[in-house]
């Protein structure tokens, strides 16, 4: 592999890695904001959520309109994270570094 191509692959890897890190942090941030916007009658530590407040993200009926917007942002961030992680694995497989 030529030096220029190796440098381009390294830059692409670093960009995907940083994007994945930012997307993961955004996913956690928006998920916490969504959990805090549960509907008034929802007990976050009860049977409806199986005693796990994060399960409120799985049922859209438990969130307010603002919570639904944050849930959507969280899921988009999760998708970007998965795409970046998959892109890094694909890049490693193409360059022969995946062992």
Protein backbone atom coordinates (compact mmCIF):
# COMPACT_ATOMS: atom_id res chain seq x y z
CA UNK A 1 0.00 0.00 0.00
CA UNK A 2 1.43 3.36 -0.94
CA UNK A 3 2.18 6.03 1.64
CA UNK A 4 -0.54 8.37 0.31
CA UNK A 5 -3.20 5.67 0.41
CA UNK A 6 -2.13 4.61 3.91
CA UNK A 7 -2.36 8.22 5.09
CA UNK A 8 -5.83 8.60 3.55
CA UNK A 9 -7.01 5.39 5.22
CA UNK A 10 -5.62 6.57 8.56
CA UNK A 11 -7.36 9.94 8.24
CA UNK A 12 -10.65 8.22 7.31
CA UNK A 13 -10.31 5.89 10.30
CA UNK A 14 -9.67 8.77 12.71
CA UNK A 15 -12.61 10.77 11.33
CA UNK A 16 -14.96 7.78 11.67
CA UNK A 17 -13.66 7.07 15.18
CA UNK A 18 -14.22 10.65 16.34
CA UNK A 19 -17.64 10.77 14.71
CA UNK A 20 -18.57 7.51 16.43
CA UNK A 21 -17.44 8.88 19.79
CA UNK A 22 -19.43 12.10 19.38
CA UNK A 23 -22.48 10.15 18.20
CA UNK A 24 -22.29 7.82 21.21
CA UNK A 25 -22.06 10.74 23.63
CA UNK A 26 -25.00 12.45 21.86
CA UNK A 27 -27.01 9.22 22.08
CA UNK A 28 -26.50 9.00 25.83
CA UNK A 29 -27.19 12.72 26.31
CA UNK A 30 -30.45 12.67 24.35
CA UNK A 31 -31.56 9.38 25.93
CA UNK A 32 -31.17 10.87 29.42
CA UNK A 33 -33.10 13.97 28.35
CA UNK A 34 -35.87 11.76 26.90
CA UNK A 35 -36.11 9.67 30.08
CA UNK A 36 -36.51 12.85 32.13
CA UNK A 37 -39.50 13.81 29.92
CA UNK A 38 -41.69 10.84 30.78
CA UNK A 39 -45.44 11.36 31.01
CA UNK A 40 -46.63 12.58 34.42
CA UNK A 41 -48.32 9.32 35.45
CA UNK A 42 -45.42 7.02 34.56
CA UNK A 43 -43.51 5.47 37.46
CA UNK A 44 -39.93 5.13 36.18
CA UNK A 45 -39.01 2.63 38.87
CA UNK A 46 -42.13 0.49 38.57
CA UNK A 47 -43.62 -2.47 36.78
CA UNK A 48 -44.37 -0.51 33.59
CA UNK A 49 -40.66 -0.05 32.91
CA UNK A 50 -39.59 -3.32 34.57
CA UNK A 51 -37.79 -1.26 37.22
CA UNK A 52 -35.40 0.20 34.63
CA UNK A 53 -36.03 3.86 33.70
CA UNK A 54 -34.26 3.42 30.34
CA UNK A 55 -37.06 1.09 29.22
CA UNK A 56 -39.24 4.18 28.86
CA UNK A 57 -37.41 4.68 25.54
CA UNK A 58 -38.87 1.44 24.20
CA UNK A 59 -42.52 2.53 24.52
CA UNK A 60 -43.39 5.83 22.92
CA UNK A 61 -46.67 6.07 24.86
CA UNK A 62 -44.72 6.78 28.05
CA UNK A 63 -43.05 9.95 26.73
CA UNK A 64 -44.28 13.49 26.25
CA UNK A 65 -43.97 15.20 22.86
CA UNK A 66 -40.65 16.72 23.89
CA UNK A 67 -39.48 13.31 25.13
CA UNK A 68 -40.39 11.79 21.77
CA UNK A 69 -38.23 14.38 19.99
CA UNK A 70 -35.27 13.56 22.23
CA UNK A 71 -35.91 9.83 21.72
CA UNK A 72 -35.80 10.34 17.95
CA UNK A 73 -32.52 12.27 18.24
CA UNK A 74 -31.10 9.54 20.45
CA UNK A 75 -32.02 6.83 17.95
CA UNK A 76 -30.53 8.83 15.07
CA UNK A 77 -27.30 9.23 17.05
CA UNK A 78 -27.29 5.49 17.73
CA UNK A 79 -27.68 4.82 14.01
CA UNK A 80 -24.77 7.11 13.20
CA UNK A 81 -22.65 5.35 15.83
CA UNK A 82 -23.48 1.92 14.37
CA UNK A 83 -22.73 3.15 10.83
CA UNK A 84 -19.36 4.54 11.92
CA UNK A 85 -18.43 1.37 13.80
CA UNK A 86 -19.42 -0.72 10.79
CA UNK A 87 -17.48 1.61 8.51
CA UNK A 88 -14.37 1.16 10.64
CA UNK A 89 -14.76 -2.62 10.50
CA UNK A 90 -15.25 -2.46 6.73
CA UNK A 91 -12.20 -0.25 6.34
CA UNK A 92 -10.15 -2.66 8.46
CA UNK A 93 -11.36 -5.62 6.40
CA UNK A 94 -10.55 -3.91 3.11
CA UNK A 95 -7.04 -2.98 4.22
CA UNK A 96 -6.37 -6.44 5.66
CA UNK A 97 -5.99 -5.25 9.26
CA UNK A 98 -8.98 -7.23 10.58
CA UNK A 99 -7.67 -10.44 12.09
